[in-house]
Protein backbone atom coordinates (compact mmCIF):
# COMPACT_ATOMS: atom_id res chain seq x y z
CA MET A 1 80.93 53.80 -112.12
CA ALA A 2 79.90 56.88 -114.06
CA LEU A 3 80.66 60.29 -112.61
CA THR A 4 78.12 63.08 -112.70
CA GLY A 5 77.90 66.76 -111.81
CA ARG A 6 80.84 68.41 -110.13
CA ALA A 7 82.89 65.19 -109.85
CA ALA A 8 82.61 64.52 -113.60
CA LEU A 9 83.62 68.09 -114.46
CA LEU A 10 86.70 67.95 -112.22
CA ALA A 11 87.70 64.58 -113.67
CA ALA A 12 87.36 65.92 -117.21
CA LEU A 13 89.38 69.04 -116.41
CA GLY A 14 92.06 67.00 -114.69
CA SER A 15 92.47 64.66 -117.66
CA LEU A 16 93.45 67.33 -120.22
CA PRO A 17 96.70 66.30 -121.97
CA VAL A 18 100.01 67.94 -121.14
CA GLY A 19 102.61 68.12 -123.89
CA ILE A 20 105.71 67.70 -121.74
CA TRP A 21 106.50 66.00 -118.47
CA GLU A 22 108.57 68.80 -117.05
CA PRO A 23 106.64 71.62 -115.34
CA SER A 24 106.28 74.69 -117.52
CA TRP A 25 104.01 77.71 -117.53
CA THR A 26 102.48 76.50 -120.75
CA GLY A 27 101.62 73.13 -119.23
CA ILE A 28 100.27 74.64 -116.01
CA LEU A 29 98.06 77.07 -117.91
CA ALA A 30 96.88 74.34 -120.24
CA VAL A 31 95.60 72.31 -117.29
CA ASN A 32 94.45 75.01 -114.85
CA ALA A 33 92.95 77.58 -117.20
CA PRO A 34 89.75 75.58 -117.87
CA LEU A 35 89.38 74.87 -114.15
CA ALA A 36 89.95 78.53 -113.27
CA LEU A 37 87.42 79.54 -115.91
CA ALA A 38 84.86 77.10 -114.49
CA CYS A 39 85.43 78.43 -110.97
CA ALA A 40 85.13 82.01 -112.14
CA CYS A 41 81.88 81.25 -113.93
CA ASP A 42 80.56 79.38 -110.91
CA PHE A 43 81.43 82.29 -108.66
CA ALA A 44 79.78 84.76 -111.02
CA LEU A 45 76.59 82.70 -111.14
CA ALA A 46 76.33 82.32 -107.33
CA ALA A 47 73.67 84.62 -105.87
CA PRO A 48 75.13 87.53 -103.86
CA VAL A 49 74.87 87.14 -100.08
CA ARG A 50 75.06 90.78 -98.97
CA ARG A 51 71.89 91.78 -100.83
CA LEU A 52 69.71 89.08 -99.27
CA GLY A 53 66.84 90.25 -97.10
CA LEU A 54 66.40 88.41 -93.79
CA THR A 55 63.60 88.81 -91.26
CA ARG A 56 62.51 86.77 -88.23
CA SER A 57 59.22 85.72 -86.72
CA GLY A 58 58.03 83.07 -84.29
CA ASP A 59 58.08 82.39 -80.56
CA THR A 60 59.32 85.03 -78.16
CA SER A 61 59.06 82.93 -75.00
CA ALA A 62 59.15 79.30 -73.94
CA ARG A 63 59.44 77.32 -70.73
CA GLN A 64 62.80 75.82 -69.93
CA GLY A 65 63.06 72.38 -71.52
CA GLU A 66 60.26 73.02 -74.02
CA THR A 67 60.66 73.97 -77.69
CA ALA A 68 60.55 77.40 -79.31
CA ASP A 69 60.32 77.77 -83.10
CA VAL A 70 61.98 80.81 -84.68
CA THR A 71 61.34 81.29 -88.41
CA LEU A 72 63.86 83.02 -90.67
CA THR A 73 62.54 84.41 -93.96
CA VAL A 74 65.18 84.74 -96.70
CA THR A 75 64.38 87.03 -99.65
CA ASN A 76 66.48 86.81 -102.81
CA PRO A 77 66.28 90.15 -104.70
CA SER A 78 68.88 89.19 -107.34
CA ASN A 79 68.28 87.69 -110.77
CA ARG A 80 70.24 84.56 -109.89
CA PRO A 81 68.89 81.58 -107.92
CA LEU A 82 70.21 81.17 -104.39
CA ARG A 83 71.58 77.74 -103.56
CA ALA A 84 72.84 78.03 -100.02
CA HIS A 85 73.84 76.45 -96.76
CA LEU A 86 72.66 78.54 -93.80
CA ARG A 87 73.74 78.53 -90.16
CA ASP A 88 71.45 80.23 -87.63
CA ALA A 89 73.68 80.74 -84.59
CA TRP A 90 72.32 80.91 -81.01
CA PRO A 91 73.96 80.50 -77.59
CA PRO A 92 74.94 76.89 -76.78
CA SER A 93 72.34 76.67 -73.99
CA SER A 94 69.60 77.14 -76.58
CA TRP A 95 69.73 73.43 -77.43
CA GLN A 96 70.09 70.12 -75.70
CA PRO A 97 73.76 69.01 -75.76
CA GLY A 98 74.72 67.41 -79.06
CA THR A 99 71.76 68.72 -81.08
CA GLU A 100 73.06 72.15 -82.08
CA VAL A 101 74.55 71.16 -85.46
CA ALA A 102 71.41 69.47 -86.71
CA ALA A 103 69.09 72.19 -85.41
CA SER A 104 70.99 75.29 -86.54
CA ARG A 105 72.04 74.33 -90.08
CA HIS A 106 69.73 74.44 -93.08
CA ARG A 107 69.88 74.01 -96.85
CA LEU A 108 67.65 76.14 -99.01
CA THR A 109 67.07 77.18 -102.62
CA VAL A 110 65.44 80.52 -103.36
CA PRO A 111 64.50 81.40 -106.98
CA PRO A 112 65.19 84.97 -108.17
CA GLY A 113 62.83 87.53 -106.65
CA GLU A 114 61.23 85.02 -104.26
CA ARG A 115 61.47 84.19 -100.56
CA ARG A 116 61.72 81.03 -98.52
CA ARG A 117 61.38 80.25 -94.84
CA VAL A 118 63.49 78.03 -92.61
CA THR A 119 62.61 77.24 -89.00
CA THR A 120 65.14 76.82 -86.20
CA ARG A 121 63.76 74.80 -83.31
CA LEU A 122 65.28 75.77 -79.97
CA ARG A 123 65.08 73.69 -76.80
CA PRO A 124 66.69 75.90 -74.13
CA THR A 125 68.37 74.36 -71.11
CA ARG A 126 68.76 77.58 -69.10
CA ARG A 127 66.44 80.36 -68.03
CA GLY A 128 66.87 83.94 -69.20
CA ASP A 129 66.94 85.90 -72.43
CA HIS A 130 68.49 83.97 -75.34
CA GLN A 131 69.53 86.32 -78.14
CA SER A 132 70.29 85.23 -81.68
CA ASP A 133 73.79 85.58 -83.06
CA ARG A 134 74.80 85.97 -86.70
CA VAL A 135 73.15 84.21 -89.61
CA THR A 136 75.91 82.91 -91.89
CA ILE A 137 75.02 82.03 -95.50
CA ARG A 138 77.20 80.26 -98.03
CA SER A 139 75.87 80.73 -101.58
CA TYR A 140 77.02 78.20 -104.20
CA GLY A 141 77.14 78.43 -107.96
CA PRO A 142 75.40 75.86 -110.19
CA LEU A 143 78.53 73.66 -110.32
CA GLY A 144 79.24 73.85 -106.60
CA LEU A 145 82.92 74.67 -107.27
CA PHE A 146 82.93 78.11 -105.70
CA ALA A 147 80.83 79.92 -103.09
CA ARG A 148 80.19 83.36 -101.68
CA GLN A 149 79.87 83.64 -97.90
CA GLY A 150 78.62 86.39 -95.64
CA SER A 151 76.91 87.02 -92.32
CA HIS A 152 73.89 89.06 -91.29
CA LYS A 153 72.73 90.30 -87.90
CA VAL A 154 69.05 89.47 -87.54
CA PRO A 155 68.17 90.24 -83.89
CA TRP A 156 65.65 88.12 -82.03
CA THR A 157 65.18 87.31 -78.35
CA VAL A 158 63.51 84.29 -76.80
CA ARG A 159 62.80 84.61 -73.09
CA VAL A 160 63.13 81.24 -71.38
CA LEU A 161 60.75 81.00 -68.42
CA PRO A 162 61.01 78.78 -65.33
CA PRO A 163 59.68 75.29 -66.08
CA PHE A 164 57.13 75.28 -63.18
CA THR A 165 57.35 71.51 -62.79
CA SER A 166 55.46 71.65 -59.49
CA ARG A 167 52.20 72.56 -61.24
CA LYS A 168 51.44 68.81 -61.24
CA HIS A 169 50.67 69.20 -57.51
CA LEU A 170 48.16 71.99 -58.08
CA PRO A 171 44.97 69.87 -58.48
CA SER A 172 45.41 68.12 -55.12
CA LYS A 173 46.19 71.39 -53.33
CA LEU A 174 43.18 73.10 -54.89
CA ALA A 175 40.97 70.21 -53.72
CA ARG A 176 42.20 70.80 -50.17
CA LEU A 177 41.60 74.52 -50.59
CA ARG A 178 38.01 73.92 -51.73
CA GLU A 179 37.55 71.75 -48.69
CA LEU A 180 38.72 74.57 -46.44
CA ASP A 181 36.56 77.06 -48.27
CA GLY A 182 33.45 74.98 -47.64
CA ARG A 183 32.78 74.28 -51.29
CA THR A 184 32.68 70.52 -50.73
CA SER A 185 30.65 68.37 -48.39
CA VAL A 186 33.54 68.10 -45.96
CA LEU A 187 33.11 71.18 -43.81
CA THR A 188 35.08 71.58 -40.62
CA ARG A 189 34.72 73.95 -37.74
CA GLY A 190 36.99 76.64 -36.43
CA GLU A 191 39.34 76.88 -39.39
CA GLY A 192 38.93 80.56 -40.11
CA THR A 193 36.89 83.46 -38.84
CA GLU A 194 34.47 84.10 -41.71
CA PHE A 195 31.07 82.49 -41.15
CA ASP A 196 30.02 80.29 -44.07
CA SER A 197 26.77 78.40 -43.35
CA LEU A 198 24.82 76.13 -41.00
CA ARG A 199 24.52 72.38 -41.28
CA GLU A 200 23.28 69.48 -39.21
CA TYR A 201 25.48 68.24 -36.40
CA VAL A 202 27.25 64.92 -36.96
CA PRO A 203 29.16 62.91 -34.34
CA GLY A 204 32.72 64.14 -34.08
CA ASP A 205 31.96 67.83 -34.61
CA ASP A 206 33.42 70.24 -32.11
CA THR A 207 30.68 71.16 -29.65
CA ARG A 208 31.89 74.76 -29.74
CA SER A 209 30.56 74.98 -33.28
CA ILE A 210 26.92 74.42 -32.18
CA ASP A 211 24.66 77.36 -32.92
CA TRP A 212 22.18 77.18 -30.03
CA ARG A 213 19.82 79.82 -31.39
CA ALA A 214 19.48 78.03 -34.71
CA THR A 215 19.09 74.74 -32.85
CA ALA A 216 16.22 76.17 -30.80
CA ARG A 217 14.37 77.10 -34.01
CA GLN A 218 14.52 73.60 -35.50
CA THR A 219 14.32 69.98 -34.45
CA THR A 220 17.97 69.11 -35.12
CA VAL A 221 21.23 70.38 -33.70
CA ALA A 222 22.79 72.98 -36.04
CA VAL A 223 26.49 73.74 -36.25
CA ARG A 224 28.29 76.62 -37.88
CA THR A 225 30.84 76.12 -40.63
CA TRP A 226 33.62 78.57 -41.21
CA ARG A 227 35.90 79.34 -44.06
CA PRO A 228 39.38 80.84 -44.11
CA GLU A 229 39.69 84.55 -44.65
CA ARG A 230 40.16 85.82 -48.18
CA ASP A 231 42.06 88.77 -49.58
CA ARG A 232 45.07 88.18 -47.32
CA HIS A 233 48.47 89.53 -48.37
CA ILE A 234 51.24 87.05 -49.24
CA LEU A 235 54.77 88.37 -49.80
CA LEU A 236 57.19 85.91 -51.39
CA VAL A 237 60.81 86.85 -50.66
CA LEU A 238 63.53 85.15 -52.72
CA ASP A 239 67.03 85.33 -51.27
CA THR A 240 69.29 85.70 -54.33
CA GLY A 241 72.56 85.86 -52.38
CA ARG A 242 75.49 83.46 -52.60
CA THR A 243 73.78 80.57 -50.80
CA SER A 244 71.13 80.43 -53.54
CA ALA A 245 73.83 79.63 -56.11
CA GLY A 246 74.65 76.25 -54.60
CA ARG A 247 73.56 73.36 -56.79
CA VAL A 248 71.35 70.67 -55.31
CA GLY A 249 71.15 67.79 -57.73
CA ASP A 250 70.99 69.24 -61.22
CA ILE A 251 69.68 72.73 -60.43
CA PRO A 252 70.67 75.73 -58.29
CA ARG A 253 68.83 76.25 -55.01
CA LEU A 254 67.31 79.42 -56.45
CA ASP A 255 65.55 77.46 -59.20
CA ALA A 256 64.01 75.05 -56.68
CA SER A 257 62.88 78.00 -54.56
CA MET A 258 61.29 79.70 -57.57
CA ASP A 259 59.39 76.54 -58.47
CA ALA A 260 57.98 76.32 -54.94
CA ALA A 261 57.11 80.03 -54.99
CA LEU A 262 55.18 79.63 -58.24
CA LEU A 263 53.04 76.81 -56.83
CA LEU A 264 52.30 78.78 -53.69
CA ALA A 265 51.50 81.93 -55.66
CA THR A 266 49.07 80.06 -57.92
CA LEU A 267 47.37 78.42 -54.95
CA ALA A 268 47.13 81.66 -52.97
CA SER A 269 45.71 83.61 -55.90
CA ARG A 270 43.05 80.91 -56.36
CA ALA A 271 42.25 81.34 -52.67
CA GLY A 272 41.58 85.03 -53.23
CA ASP A 273 44.78 86.25 -51.59
CA ARG A 274 47.01 88.99 -52.97
CA VAL A 275 50.51 87.82 -53.89
CA ASP A 276 53.62 89.98 -54.28
CA LEU A 277 57.21 88.97 -55.03
CA LEU A 278 60.48 90.45 -53.79
CA ALA A 279 63.91 89.16 -54.86
CA TYR A 280 66.75 90.63 -52.81
CA ASP A 281 70.41 90.20 -51.79
CA ARG A 282 72.00 93.61 -51.28
CA ARG A 283 69.52 95.40 -53.51
CA VAL A 284 66.15 94.71 -55.06
CA ARG A 285 66.60 92.35 -58.00
CA THR A 286 62.92 92.28 -58.89
CA LEU A 287 59.65 93.44 -57.36
CA VAL A 288 56.17 92.42 -58.50
CA GLN A 289 53.25 94.14 -56.78
CA GLY A 290 49.57 94.80 -57.25
CA ARG A 291 48.80 92.13 -59.84
CA THR A 292 45.31 90.74 -60.25
CA ALA A 293 44.63 87.05 -59.68
CA GLY A 294 44.63 86.33 -63.41
CA ASP A 295 47.85 88.24 -64.04
CA VAL A 296 49.93 87.24 -61.03
CA LEU A 297 51.35 83.97 -62.41
CA PRO A 298 52.46 85.37 -65.82
CA SER A 299 54.00 88.37 -64.05
CA LEU A 300 55.94 86.22 -61.58
CA VAL A 301 57.15 83.80 -64.25
CA ASN A 302 58.33 86.67 -66.46
CA ALA A 303 60.09 88.38 -63.55
CA MET A 304 61.82 85.17 -62.44
CA ALA A 305 63.06 84.30 -65.92
CA THR A 306 66.10 86.58 -65.75
CA LEU A 307 66.91 86.13 -62.05
CA GLU A 308 70.35 84.72 -61.33
CA PRO A 309 72.13 84.13 -58.00
CA GLU A 310 74.59 86.81 -56.97
CA LEU A 311 77.87 85.69 -55.38
CA ILE A 312 77.57 88.13 -52.48
CA GLU A 313 76.36 87.83 -48.90
CA THR A 314 72.73 88.81 -48.44
CA ASP A 315 72.17 91.86 -46.26
CA ALA A 316 69.50 90.51 -43.88
CA ARG A 317 68.90 93.86 -42.22
CA ALA A 318 68.26 95.64 -45.52
CA LEU A 319 66.14 92.72 -46.73
CA THR A 320 63.96 92.98 -43.62
CA ALA A 321 63.57 96.75 -44.00
CA THR A 322 62.59 96.34 -47.67
CA ALA A 323 60.06 93.60 -46.85
CA LEU A 324 58.45 95.82 -44.21
CA ARG A 325 58.12 98.64 -46.73
CA VAL A 326 56.55 96.34 -49.30
CA ALA A 327 54.18 94.84 -46.70
CA PRO A 328 53.31 97.64 -44.25
CA ARG A 329 50.20 95.81 -42.96
CA ARG A 330 49.85 92.33 -41.57
CA ALA A 331 50.80 89.68 -44.11
CA LEU A 332 52.28 86.24 -44.55
CA ILE A 333 55.95 86.66 -45.43
CA VAL A 334 57.42 83.58 -47.07
CA LEU A 335 61.22 83.77 -47.03
CA LEU A 336 62.91 81.28 -49.34
CA THR A 337 66.49 81.16 -48.13
CA SER A 338 69.20 78.89 -46.77
CA LEU A 339 69.21 77.22 -43.36
CA ASP A 340 72.98 77.33 -43.11
CA ALA A 341 73.87 78.17 -39.53
CA ALA A 342 76.16 81.15 -40.10
CA PRO A 343 73.90 83.25 -42.41
CA VAL A 344 70.85 82.60 -40.22
CA GLU A 345 72.47 83.17 -36.82
CA GLU A 346 74.51 86.20 -37.85
CA GLY A 347 72.13 87.74 -40.34
CA LEU A 348 68.49 86.71 -39.95
CA LEU A 349 67.98 85.97 -36.26
CA PRO A 350 68.97 89.45 -34.96
CA VAL A 351 66.38 91.15 -37.22
CA LEU A 352 63.71 88.46 -37.13
CA PRO A 353 61.65 90.06 -34.32
CA GLN A 354 60.99 93.05 -36.59
CA LEU A 355 59.13 90.71 -38.93
CA THR A 356 57.41 88.40 -36.45
CA GLN A 357 55.91 91.16 -34.32
CA ARG A 358 53.88 92.40 -37.28
CA HIS A 359 53.65 89.48 -39.71
CA THR A 360 53.30 85.72 -39.89
CA VAL A 361 56.65 84.41 -41.12
CA LEU A 362 57.35 81.17 -42.97
CA VAL A 363 60.91 80.17 -43.88
CA ALA A 364 61.42 77.59 -46.64
CA SER A 365 64.77 76.06 -47.46
CA VAL A 366 66.12 73.52 -49.94
CA ALA A 367 67.81 70.53 -48.33
CA ASP A 368 70.43 68.49 -50.18
CA PRO A 369 69.22 64.89 -50.68
CA HIS A 370 72.84 63.79 -51.02
CA ILE A 371 73.37 64.58 -47.33
CA ALA A 372 70.61 62.14 -46.37
CA ASP A 373 72.19 59.48 -48.59
CA MET A 374 75.58 60.08 -47.01
CA ALA A 375 74.11 59.70 -43.53
CA LYS A 376 72.99 56.16 -44.40
CA ALA A 377 76.36 55.10 -45.83
CA ARG A 378 78.23 52.22 -44.17
CA GLY A 379 80.60 49.44 -45.15
CA ASN A 380 84.07 51.01 -45.08
CA PRO A 381 85.91 53.71 -43.10
CA ASP A 382 85.37 56.38 -45.78
CA ALA A 383 81.64 55.75 -45.79
CA VAL A 384 81.49 55.93 -42.00
CA TYR A 385 83.34 59.26 -41.98
CA GLU A 386 80.95 60.58 -44.64
CA ALA A 387 77.98 59.43 -42.55
CA ALA A 388 79.35 61.21 -39.48
CA ALA A 389 79.87 64.44 -41.45
CA ALA A 390 76.34 64.22 -42.87
CA ALA A 391 74.84 63.61 -39.43
CA GLN A 392 76.65 66.68 -38.11
CA ALA A 393 75.34 68.80 -40.99
CA GLN A 394 71.80 67.56 -40.39
CA ALA A 395 72.07 68.31 -36.67
CA GLU A 396 73.17 71.89 -37.43
CA ARG A 397 70.19 72.42 -39.75
CA HIS A 398 67.78 71.03 -37.16
CA ARG A 399 69.26 73.31 -34.50
CA THR A 400 68.93 76.32 -36.79
CA ALA A 401 65.33 75.41 -37.61
CA GLU A 402 64.49 75.10 -33.91
CA GLN A 403 65.92 78.55 -33.26
CA LEU A 404 63.59 79.95 -35.89
CA ARG A 405 60.58 78.07 -34.50
CA ARG A 406 61.24 79.51 -31.04
CA HIS A 407 60.65 82.93 -32.63
CA GLY A 408 57.26 81.78 -33.91
CA VAL A 409 58.43 81.04 -37.44
CA THR A 410 57.04 78.14 -39.46
CA VAL A 411 59.92 76.25 -41.07
CA VAL A 412 59.82 74.04 -44.17
CA ASP A 413 63.09 72.25 -44.86
CA THR A 414 63.03 69.50 -47.46
CA THR A 415 64.50 68.30 -50.75
CA PRO A 416 63.94 70.11 -54.08
CA ASP A 417 61.33 67.62 -55.29
CA ASP A 418 59.30 67.93 -52.07
CA LEU A 419 59.75 71.63 -51.33
CA ALA A 420 56.88 72.95 -53.48
CA PRO A 421 54.12 70.62 -52.14
CA ALA A 422 55.44 70.96 -48.58
CA LEU A 423 55.33 74.75 -48.80
CA ALA A 424 51.80 74.63 -50.20
CA ASP A 425 50.75 72.33 -47.33
CA ALA A 426 52.25 74.73 -44.80
CA TYR A 427 50.26 77.60 -46.33
CA LEU A 428 47.04 75.58 -46.20
CA ALA A 429 47.75 74.60 -42.59
CA LEU A 430 48.19 78.24 -41.60
CA LYS A 431 44.99 79.11 -43.41
CA ALA A 432 43.12 76.26 -41.72
CA ALA A 433 44.40 77.37 -38.32
CA GLY A 434 43.14 80.92 -38.90
CA ARG A 435 46.64 82.41 -38.71
CA LEU A 436 46.27 84.36 -41.96
């Protein structure tokens, strides 16, 4: 089979005759001098790496699990063509496992005085700010025998936002909200204090909703419809202490809490309520206040992107004092925290009356679905012991939840997949009951 290109050249250079069998400087030079000359020429003809101009453009944000395209423009100012292999390095969490090599390495050819673009497609697996590392370029000569290599720092940051997977529940929750607001034909009585309109009485309506004066002016019985109050204040409080770092399934508890908070914030802003966010453990990690309805979701998502659990015990007393400063007037305070017995009994319960005497309080917690699976296990002694341990853990959570309810707190305790819709339902139930 015929050899071409670099392989043919090396074969030709390697086949040069040697006059003697014994090694000698003359023989070595006779063989290696042409090869050394070819390498030197190849090196000289390779485009210089240090003089290359590199700039970036493209996406600056993306949701976790979605793609972000970052374009690198390479300008070749030399009078030699650039034939190069390029590696655009990013943190390992910028790609799905096993895809980094294919996504970060590129081949390109740039004629003298021209520019070319290569695009690196990221698919981040973690929230936060992902910053680019070095761009390494290996420039080859025309024969491919020798190469120049160098690295450039070309800064770029892609902020990876929470995925907000619970947004799929938003249409059904908004339909329920429109029902409560009286914008559909299903109007109910007594669920709010703001008068909406009059309609004809139908069997099943609460007789307390009858408007006797309006009835006296017409031939049919008229009833009043009400709608929930608007412009209420909702304060979302994320506990970022050590309990939020525990993983439930594939994600930390904090991530599940943030997803539920985003659904509730979107729903509440559509209802005309004001939504603020406080993330706290022993100090304020983030605070979002005073955003308009159209700006609240982008602001919350951007603020949550860089939040990480802190491996310290949350100071419940300081958290309560901070929440009261952020919400000086009556509000719904939604505390997304753990229902573990010790942190609640020693930290939250002693200071809870300070919140409940002024505000409506809702506590939401992420339950581990593995515990429920363990409680159902049978068949061998190990499984029975696991079931007993799971039943004890469930009993402790139920007891802790009952302690909170006795203080007038609404408690939502469910698995990560169900937490967001359950929290939204609890909000709508409070709104329907006129407690906001």
